[in-house]
Amino acid sequence: MITKEAVINNQVGLHARPATFFIQKANEFKSSIWIEKDERRVNAKSLLGVLSLGIVKGTAVTLVADGADEEEAIDTLVALINSDFSE
């Protein structure tokens, strides 16, 4: 299991379009992936789960992955967050 923290810095936070990019990227991996904010943990592959966290600009989140490709999954998702969700 791998855990890494990241800060959401794009204008709208992790809402609608950026959340969709994030979930699509998370679904490319076999590992179980969660995103945590303020003691709440949701499935990073679930749009409703991610949106329910209400992540706004400047929010620190923790990504957790467990599985065969956990390291690649975390590195890819942190890179996506750090790029402010630009494809």
PDB file of N, CA and C in Angstrom:
ATOM      1  N   MET A   1       0.847  -1.184   0.000  1.00  0.00           N
ATOM      2  CA  MET A   1       0.000   0.000   0.000  1.00  0.00           C
ATOM      3  C   MET A   1       0.888   1.242   0.000  1.00  0.00           C
ATOM      4  N   ILE A   2       0.556   2.194  -0.862  1.00  0.00           N
ATOM      5  CA  ILE A   2       1.322   3.431  -0.988  1.00  0.00           C
ATOM      6  C   ILE A   2       0.405   4.618  -0.704  1.00  0.00           C
ATOM      7  N   THR A   3       0.934   5.608   0.015  1.00  0.00           N
ATOM      8  CA  THR A   3       0.191   6.816   0.338  1.00  0.00           C
ATOM      9  C   THR A   3       1.019   8.027  -0.073  1.00  0.00           C
ATOM     10  N   LYS A   4       0.365   9.008  -0.682  1.00  0.00           N
ATOM     11  CA  LYS A   4       1.065  10.233  -1.067  1.00  0.00           C
ATOM     12  C   LYS A   4       0.103  11.409  -0.960  1.00  0.00           C
ATOM     13  N   GLU A   5       0.617  12.543  -0.491  1.00  0.00           N
ATOM     14  CA  GLU A   5      -0.219  13.738  -0.367  1.00  0.00           C
ATOM     15  C   GLU A   5      -0.011  14.639  -1.571  1.00  0.00           C
ATOM     16  N   ALA A   6      -1.074  15.342  -1.951  1.00  0.00           N
ATOM     17  CA  ALA A   6      -1.012  16.298  -3.063  1.00  0.00           C
ATOM     18  C   ALA A   6      -1.960  17.453  -2.747  1.00  0.00           C
ATOM     19  N   VAL A   7      -1.670  18.616  -3.320  1.00  0.00           N
ATOM     20  CA  VAL A   7      -2.526  19.790  -3.124  1.00  0.00           C
ATOM     21  C   VAL A   7      -3.190  20.133  -4.453  1.00  0.00           C
ATOM     22  N   ILE A   8      -4.504  20.304  -4.412  1.00  0.00           N
ATOM     23  CA  ILE A   8      -5.276  20.648  -5.607  1.00  0.00           C
ATOM     24  C   ILE A   8      -5.139  22.153  -5.828  1.00  0.00           C
ATOM     25  N   ASN A   9      -4.551  22.553  -6.962  1.00  0.00           N
ATOM     26  CA  ASN A   9      -4.287  23.971  -7.208  1.00  0.00           C
ATOM     27  C   ASN A   9      -5.013  24.562  -8.413  1.00  0.00           C
ATOM     28  N   ASN A  10      -5.806  23.767  -9.133  1.00  0.00           N
ATOM     29  CA  ASN A  10      -6.511  24.351 -10.269  1.00  0.00           C
ATOM     30  C   ASN A  10      -7.690  25.192  -9.776  1.00  0.00           C
ATOM     31  N   GLN A  11      -8.201  26.074 -10.622  1.00  0.00           N
ATOM     32  CA  GLN A  11      -9.197  27.069 -10.205  1.00  0.00           C
ATOM     33  C   GLN A  11     -10.465  26.491  -9.578  1.00  0.00           C
ATOM     34  N   VAL A  12     -11.030  25.451 -10.170  1.00  0.00           N
ATOM     35  CA  VAL A  12     -12.320  24.942  -9.689  1.00  0.00           C
ATOM     36  C   VAL A  12     -12.182  23.796  -8.690  1.00  0.00           C
ATOM     37  N   GLY A  13     -10.950  23.442  -8.342  1.00  0.00           N
ATOM     38  CA  GLY A  13     -10.766  22.314  -7.439  1.00  0.00           C
ATOM     39  C   GLY A  13     -11.021  21.002  -8.167  1.00  0.00           C
ATOM     40  N   LEU A  14     -11.416  19.994  -7.410  1.00  0.00           N
ATOM     41  CA  LEU A  14     -11.680  18.681  -8.014  1.00  0.00           C
ATOM     42  C   LEU A  14     -13.189  18.561  -8.218  1.00  0.00           C
ATOM     43  N   HIS A  15     -13.683  19.291  -9.230  1.00  0.00           N
ATOM     44  CA  HIS A  15     -15.102  19.367  -9.481  1.00  0.00           C
ATOM     45  C   HIS A  15     -15.366  19.124 -10.965  1.00  0.00           C
ATOM     46  N   ALA A  16     -16.460  18.485 -11.275  1.00  0.00           N
ATOM     47  CA  ALA A  16     -16.942  18.243 -12.633  1.00  0.00           C
ATOM     48  C   ALA A  16     -15.853  17.758 -13.594  1.00  0.00           C
ATOM     49  N   ARG A  17     -15.348  18.638 -14.444  1.00  0.00           N
ATOM     50  CA  ARG A  17     -14.423  18.217 -15.494  1.00  0.00           C
ATOM     51  C   ARG A  17     -13.093  17.677 -14.946  1.00  0.00           C
ATOM     52  N   PRO A  18     -12.414  18.400 -14.041  1.00  0.00           N
ATOM     53  CA  PRO A  18     -11.171  17.839 -13.491  1.00  0.00           C
ATOM     54  C   PRO A  18     -11.420  16.507 -12.768  1.00  0.00           C
ATOM     55  N   ALA A  19     -12.536  16.399 -12.077  1.00  0.00           N
ATOM     56  CA  ALA A  19     -12.859  15.147 -11.381  1.00  0.00           C
ATOM     57  C   ALA A  19     -13.029  14.017 -12.386  1.00  0.00           C
ATOM     58  N   THR A  20     -13.638  14.313 -13.515  1.00  0.00           N
ATOM     59  CA  THR A  20     -13.829  13.299 -14.553  1.00  0.00           C
ATOM     60  C   THR A  20     -12.484  12.836 -15.100  1.00  0.00           C
ATOM     61  N   PHE A  21     -11.561  13.785 -15.370  1.00  0.00           N
ATOM     62  CA  PHE A  21     -10.212  13.416 -15.821  1.00  0.00           C
ATOM     63  C   PHE A  21      -9.532  12.522 -14.787  1.00  0.00           C
ATOM     64  N   PHE A  22      -9.649  12.916 -13.520  1.00  0.00           N
ATOM     65  CA  PHE A  22      -9.009  12.180 -12.421  1.00  0.00           C
ATOM     66  C   PHE A  22      -9.538  10.745 -12.357  1.00  0.00           C
ATOM     67  N   ILE A  23     -10.845  10.596 -12.433  1.00  0.00           N
ATOM     68  CA  ILE A  23     -11.481   9.272 -12.333  1.00  0.00           C
ATOM     69  C   ILE A  23     -11.133   8.402 -13.539  1.00  0.00           C
ATOM     70  N   GLN A  24     -11.132   8.995 -14.726  1.00  0.00           N
ATOM     71  CA  GLN A  24     -10.753   8.233 -15.920  1.00  0.00           C
ATOM     72  C   GLN A  24      -9.325   7.713 -15.786  1.00  0.00           C
ATOM     73  N   LYS A  25      -8.432   8.546 -15.277  1.00  0.00           N
ATOM     74  CA  LYS A  25      -7.037   8.142 -15.100  1.00  0.00           C
ATOM     75  C   LYS A  25      -6.955   7.047 -14.035  1.00  0.00           C
ATOM     76  N   ALA A  26      -7.672   7.198 -12.930  1.00  0.00           N
ATOM     77  CA  ALA A  26      -7.657   6.198 -11.855  1.00  0.00           C
ATOM     78  C   ALA A  26      -8.162   4.850 -12.356  1.00  0.00           C
ATOM     79  N   ASN A  27      -9.143   4.872 -13.244  1.00  0.00           N
ATOM     80  CA  ASN A  27      -9.726   3.633 -13.766  1.00  0.00           C
ATOM     81  C   ASN A  27      -8.799   2.888 -14.725  1.00  0.00           C
ATOM     82  N   GLU A  28      -7.686   3.503 -15.121  1.00  0.00           N
ATOM     83  CA  GLU A  28      -6.724   2.825 -15.983  1.00  0.00           C
ATOM     84  C   GLU A  28      -5.874   1.818 -15.210  1.00  0.00           C
ATOM     85  N   PHE A  29      -5.977   1.842 -13.881  1.00  0.00           N
ATOM     86  CA  PHE A  29      -5.143   0.981 -13.047  1.00  0.00           C
ATOM     87  C   PHE A  29      -5.965  -0.121 -12.391  1.00  0.00           C
ATOM     88  N   LYS A  30      -5.302  -1.252 -12.151  1.00  0.00           N
ATOM     89  CA  LYS A  30      -5.955  -2.391 -11.505  1.00  0.00           C
ATOM     90  C   LYS A  30      -6.062  -2.198  -9.995  1.00  0.00           C
ATOM     91  N   SER A  31      -5.141  -1.433  -9.419  1.00  0.00           N
ATOM     92  CA  SER A  31      -5.096  -1.234  -7.970  1.00  0.00           C
ATOM     93  C   SER A  31      -6.368  -0.566  -7.455  1.00  0.00           C
ATOM     94  N   SER A  32      -6.660  -0.826  -6.185  1.00  0.00           N
ATOM     95  CA  SER A  32      -7.705  -0.076  -5.494  1.00  0.00           C
ATOM     96  C   SER A  32      -7.099   1.279  -5.146  1.00  0.00           C
ATOM     97  N   ILE A  33      -7.836   2.353  -5.430  1.00  0.00           N
ATOM     98  CA  ILE A  33      -7.322   3.700  -5.186  1.00  0.00           C
ATOM     99  C   ILE A  33      -8.380   4.490  -4.418  1.00  0.00           C
ATOM    100  N   TRP A  34      -7.917   5.169  -3.369  1.00  0.00           N
ATOM    101  CA  TRP A  34      -8.807   6.012  -2.570  1.00  0.00           C
ATOM    102  C   TRP A  34      -8.239   7.406  -2.499  1.00  0.00           C
ATOM    103  N   ILE A  35      -9.136   8.364  -2.267  1.00  0.00           N
ATOM    104  CA  ILE A  35      -8.719   9.739  -2.031  1.00  0.00           C
ATOM    105  C   ILE A  35      -9.293  10.147  -0.682  1.00  0.00           C
ATOM    106  N   GLU A  36      -8.447  10.760   0.159  1.00  0.00           N
ATOM    107  CA  GLU A  36      -8.853  11.121   1.519  1.00  0.00           C
ATOM    108  C   GLU A  36      -8.769  12.626   1.721  1.00  0.00           C
ATOM    109  N   LYS A  37      -9.777  13.151   2.428  1.00  0.00           N
ATOM    110  CA  LYS A  37      -9.797  14.557   2.820  1.00  0.00           C
ATOM    111  C   LYS A  37     -10.511  14.635   4.160  1.00  0.00           C
ATOM    112  N   ASP A  38      -9.875  15.268   5.134  1.00  0.00           N
ATOM    113  CA  ASP A  38     -10.488  15.457   6.458  1.00  0.00           C
ATOM    114  C   ASP A  38     -11.062  14.169   7.036  1.00  0.00           C
ATOM    115  N   GLU A  39     -10.266  13.143   7.116  1.00  0.00           N
ATOM    116  CA  GLU A  39     -10.678  11.862   7.723  1.00  0.00           C
ATOM    117  C   GLU A  39     -11.747  11.112   6.935  1.00  0.00           C
ATOM    118  N   ARG A  40     -12.122  11.578   5.742  1.00  0.00           N
ATOM    119  CA  ARG A  40     -13.065  10.848   4.894  1.00  0.00           C
ATOM    120  C   ARG A  40     -12.304  10.206   3.755  1.00  0.00           C
ATOM    121  N   ARG A  41     -12.636   8.969   3.450  1.00  0.00           N
ATOM    122  CA  ARG A  41     -11.976   8.231   2.367  1.00  0.00           C
ATOM    123  C   ARG A  41     -13.048   7.760   1.391  1.00  0.00           C
ATOM    124  N   VAL A  42     -12.828   8.057   0.099  1.00  0.00           N
ATOM    125  CA  VAL A  42     -13.763   7.590  -0.930  1.00  0.00           C
ATOM    126  C   VAL A  42     -12.985   6.899  -2.044  1.00  0.00           C
ATOM    127  N   ASN A  43     -13.687   6.099  -2.802  1.00  0.00           N
ATOM    128  CA  ASN A  43     -13.110   5.408  -3.955  1.00  0.00           C
ATOM    129  C   ASN A  43     -12.762   6.445  -5.026  1.00  0.00           C
ATOM    130  N   ALA A  44     -11.498   6.497  -5.421  1.00  0.00           N
ATOM    131  CA  ALA A  44     -11.051   7.478  -6.417  1.00  0.00           C
ATOM    132  C   ALA A  44     -11.567   7.152  -7.816  1.00  0.00           C
ATOM    133  N   LYS A  45     -12.223   6.014  -7.974  1.00  0.00           N
ATOM    134  CA  LYS A  45     -12.774   5.626  -9.273  1.00  0.00           C
ATOM    135  C   LYS A  45     -14.269   5.930  -9.353  1.00  0.00           C
ATOM    136  N   SER A  46     -14.800   6.592  -8.322  1.00  0.00           N
ATOM    137  CA  SER A  46     -16.228   6.902  -8.248  1.00  0.00           C
ATOM    138  C   SER A  46     -16.457   8.407  -8.355  1.00  0.00           C
ATOM    139  N   LEU A  47     -17.170   8.850  -9.391  1.00  0.00           N
ATOM    140  CA  LEU A  47     -17.427  10.279  -9.576  1.00  0.00           C
ATOM    141  C   LEU A  47     -18.198  10.855  -8.389  1.00  0.00           C
ATOM    142  N   LEU A  48     -19.254  10.178  -7.979  1.00  0.00           N
ATOM    143  CA  LEU A  48     -20.039  10.691  -6.853  1.00  0.00           C
ATOM    144  C   LEU A  48     -19.212  10.751  -5.574  1.00  0.00           C
ATOM    145  N   GLY A  49     -18.385   9.744  -5.368  1.00  0.00           N
ATOM    146  CA  GLY A  49     -17.529   9.738  -4.186  1.00  0.00           C
ATOM    147  C   GLY A  49     -16.576  10.913  -4.174  1.00  0.00           C
ATOM    148  N   VAL A  50     -15.888  11.133  -5.292  1.00  0.00           N
ATOM    149  CA  VAL A  50     -14.918  12.228  -5.381  1.00  0.00           C
ATOM    150  C   VAL A  50     -15.619  13.577  -5.238  1.00  0.00           C
ATOM    151  N   LEU A  51     -16.739  13.759  -5.921  1.00  0.00           N
ATOM    152  CA  LEU A  51     -17.461  15.029  -5.829  1.00  0.00           C
ATOM    153  C   LEU A  51     -17.992  15.277  -4.420  1.00  0.00           C
ATOM    154  N   SER A  52     -18.334  14.204  -3.701  1.00  0.00           N
ATOM    155  CA  SER A  52     -18.896  14.359  -2.351  1.00  0.00           C
ATOM    156  C   SER A  52     -17.894  14.946  -1.359  1.00  0.00           C
ATOM    157  N   LEU A  53     -16.601  14.879  -1.689  1.00  0.00           N
ATOM    158  CA  LEU A  53     -15.594  15.443  -0.799  1.00  0.00           C
ATOM    159  C   LEU A  53     -15.550  16.970  -0.868  1.00  0.00           C
ATOM    160  N   GLY A  54     -16.105  17.558  -1.913  1.00  0.00           N
ATOM    161  CA  GLY A  54     -16.125  19.014  -2.035  1.00  0.00           C
ATOM    162  C   GLY A  54     -14.733  19.633  -2.031  1.00  0.00           C
ATOM    163  N   ILE A  55     -13.847  19.105  -2.841  1.00  0.00           N
ATOM    164  CA  ILE A  55     -12.453  19.551  -2.859  1.00  0.00           C
ATOM    165  C   ILE A  55     -12.330  20.843  -3.667  1.00  0.00           C
ATOM    166  N   VAL A  56     -11.875  21.909  -3.003  1.00  0.00           N
ATOM    167  CA  VAL A  56     -11.707  23.203  -3.650  1.00  0.00           C
ATOM    168  C   VAL A  56     -10.221  23.528  -3.801  1.00  0.00           C
ATOM    169  N   LYS A  57      -9.931  24.611  -4.517  1.00  0.00           N
ATOM    170  CA  LYS A  57      -8.542  25.021  -4.742  1.00  0.00           C
ATOM    171  C   LYS A  57      -7.816  25.186  -3.410  1.00  0.00           C
ATOM    172  N   GLY A  58      -6.599  24.653  -3.349  1.00  0.00           N
ATOM    173  CA  GLY A  58      -5.782  24.774  -2.147  1.00  0.00           C
ATOM    174  C   GLY A  58      -5.961  23.649  -1.148  1.00  0.00           C
ATOM    175  N   THR A  59      -6.833  22.691  -1.447  1.00  0.00           N
ATOM    176  CA  THR A  59      -7.097  21.575  -0.538  1.00  0.00           C
ATOM    177  C   THR A  59      -6.011  20.509  -0.665  1.00  0.00           C
ATOM    178  N   ALA A  60      -5.507  20.073   0.480  1.00  0.00           N
ATOM    179  CA  ALA A  60      -4.551  18.960   0.495  1.00  0.00           C
ATOM    180  C   ALA A  60      -5.340  17.664   0.606  1.00  0.00           C
ATOM    181  N   VAL A  61      -5.018  16.716  -0.252  1.00  0.00           N
ATOM    182  CA  VAL A  61      -5.669  15.404  -0.226  1.00  0.00           C
ATOM    183  C   VAL A  61      -4.591  14.334  -0.116  1.00  0.00           C
ATOM    184  N   THR A  62      -5.003  13.169   0.344  1.00  0.00           N
ATOM    185  CA  THR A  62      -4.092  12.034   0.422  1.00  0.00           C
ATOM    186  C   THR A  62      -4.591  10.966  -0.535  1.00  0.00           C
ATOM    187  N   LEU A  63      -3.710  10.496  -1.395  1.00  0.00           N
ATOM    188  CA  LEU A  63      -4.042   9.411  -2.311  1.00  0.00           C
ATOM    189  C   LEU A  63      -3.485   8.114  -1.751  1.00  0.00           C
ATOM    190  N   VAL A  64      -4.293   7.068  -1.782  1.00  0.00           N
ATOM    191  CA  VAL A  64      -3.886   5.763  -1.269  1.00  0.00           C
ATOM    192  C   VAL A  64      -4.158   4.735  -2.359  1.00  0.00           C
ATOM    193  N   ALA A  65      -3.160   3.912  -2.656  1.00  0.00           N
ATOM    194  CA  ALA A  65      -3.340   2.857  -3.664  1.00  0.00           C
ATOM    195  C   ALA A  65      -2.820   1.545  -3.097  1.00  0.00           C
ATOM    196  N   ASP A  66      -3.515   0.472  -3.453  1.00  0.00           N
ATOM    197  CA  ASP A  66      -3.121  -0.854  -3.004  1.00  0.00           C
ATOM    198  C   ASP A  66      -3.377  -1.837  -4.136  1.00  0.00           C
ATOM    199  N   GLY A  67      -2.304  -2.461  -4.618  1.00  0.00           N
ATOM    200  CA  GLY A  67      -2.462  -3.434  -5.690  1.00  0.00           C
ATOM    201  C   GLY A  67      -1.201  -3.571  -6.515  1.00  0.00           C
ATOM    202  N   ALA A  68      -1.318  -4.307  -7.607  1.00  0.00           N
ATOM    203  CA  ALA A  68      -0.171  -4.657  -8.446  1.00  0.00           C
ATOM    204  C   ALA A  68       0.530  -3.445  -9.045  1.00  0.00           C
ATOM    205  N   ASP A  69      -0.238  -2.415  -9.426  1.00  0.00           N
ATOM    206  CA  ASP A  69       0.354  -1.240 -10.074  1.00  0.00           C
ATOM    207  C   ASP A  69       0.201   0.015  -9.215  1.00  0.00           C
ATOM    208  N   GLU A  70       0.217  -0.174  -7.893  1.00  0.00           N
ATOM    209  CA  GLU A  70      -0.034   0.932  -6.960  1.00  0.00           C
ATOM    210  C   GLU A  70       0.933   2.106  -7.115  1.00  0.00           C
ATOM    211  N   GLU A  71       2.213   1.816  -7.294  1.00  0.00           N
ATOM    212  CA  GLU A  71       3.203   2.889  -7.392  1.00  0.00           C
ATOM    213  C   GLU A  71       2.995   3.732  -8.650  1.00  0.00           C
ATOM    214  N   GLU A  72       2.775   3.058  -9.777  1.00  0.00           N
ATOM    215  CA  GLU A  72       2.516   3.761 -11.034  1.00  0.00           C
ATOM    216  C   GLU A  72       1.223   4.577 -10.939  1.00  0.00           C
ATOM    217  N   ALA A  73       0.205   4.011 -10.300  1.00  0.00           N
ATOM    218  CA  ALA A  73      -1.085   4.695 -10.149  1.00  0.00           C
ATOM    219  C   ALA A  73      -0.921   5.995  -9.371  1.00  0.00           C
ATOM    220  N   ILE A  74      -0.256   5.922  -8.220  1.00  0.00           N
ATOM    221  CA  ILE A  74      -0.068   7.112  -7.388  1.00  0.00           C
ATOM    222  C   ILE A  74       0.764   8.154  -8.122  1.00  0.00           C
ATOM    223  N   ASP A  75       1.865   7.736  -8.741  1.00  0.00           N
ATOM    224  CA  ASP A  75       2.728   8.679  -9.457  1.00  0.00           C
ATOM    225  C   ASP A  75       1.969   9.376 -10.582  1.00  0.00           C
ATOM    226  N   THR A  76       1.162   8.625 -11.319  1.00  0.00           N
ATOM    227  CA  THR A  76       0.397   9.190 -12.434  1.00  0.00           C
ATOM    228  C   THR A  76      -0.652  10.176 -11.945  1.00  0.00           C
ATOM    229  N   LEU A  77      -1.369   9.822 -10.876  1.00  0.00           N
ATOM    230  CA  LEU A  77      -2.425  10.698 -10.364  1.00  0.00           C
ATOM    231  C   LEU A  77      -1.847  11.963  -9.732  1.00  0.00           C
ATOM    232  N   VAL A  78      -0.723  11.850  -9.030  1.00  0.00           N
ATOM    233  CA  VAL A  78      -0.073  13.034  -8.451  1.00  0.00           C
ATOM    234  C   VAL A  78       0.422  13.945  -9.574  1.00  0.00           C
ATOM    235  N   ALA A  79       0.966  13.362 -10.642  1.00  0.00           N
ATOM    236  CA  ALA A  79       1.413  14.161 -11.790  1.00  0.00           C
ATOM    237  C   ALA A  79       0.233  14.891 -12.429  1.00  0.00           C
ATOM    238  N   LEU A  80      -0.917  14.229 -12.526  1.00  0.00           N
ATOM    239  CA  LEU A  80      -2.122  14.860 -13.079  1.00  0.00           C
ATOM    240  C   LEU A  80      -2.549  16.035 -12.210  1.00  0.00           C
ATOM    241  N   ILE A  81      -2.561  15.839 -10.902  1.00  0.00           N
ATOM    242  CA  ILE A  81      -2.930  16.921  -9.979  1.00  0.00           C
ATOM    243  C   ILE A  81      -1.932  18.077 -10.102  1.00  0.00           C
ATOM    244  N   ASN A  82      -0.635  17.758 -10.136  1.00  0.00           N
ATOM    245  CA  ASN A  82       0.402  18.796 -10.212  1.00  0.00           C
ATOM    246  C   ASN A  82       0.370  19.573 -11.533  1.00  0.00           C
ATOM    247  N   SER A  83      -0.198  18.954 -12.581  1.00  0.00           N
ATOM    248  CA  SER A  83      -0.303  19.635 -13.873  1.00  0.00           C
ATOM    249  C   SER A  83      -1.572  20.478 -13.941  1.00  0.00           C
ATOM    250  N   ASP A  84      -2.304  20.565 -12.828  1.00  0.00           N
ATOM    251  CA  ASP A  84      -3.590  21.264 -12.777  1.00  0.00           C
ATOM    252  C   ASP A  84      -4.586  20.712 -13.783  1.00  0.00           C
ATOM    253  N   PHE A  85      -4.500  19.408 -14.021  1.00  0.00           N
ATOM    254  CA  PHE A  85      -5.432  18.659 -14.850  1.00  0.00           C
ATOM    255  C   PHE A  85      -5.388  19.027 -16.321  1.00  0.00           C
ATOM    256  N   SER A  86      -4.243  19.491 -16.788  1.00  0.00           N
ATOM    257  CA  SER A  86      -4.110  19.768 -18.217  1.00  0.00           C
ATOM    258  C   SER A  86      -3.720  18.474 -18.919  1.00  0.00           C
ATOM    259  N   GLU A  87      -4.408  18.158 -19.977  1.00  0.00           N
ATOM    260  CA  GLU A  87      -4.154  16.920 -20.711  1.00  0.00           C
ATOM    261  C   GLU A  87      -3.056  17.139 -21.725  1.00  0.00           C
TER     262      GLU A  87
END
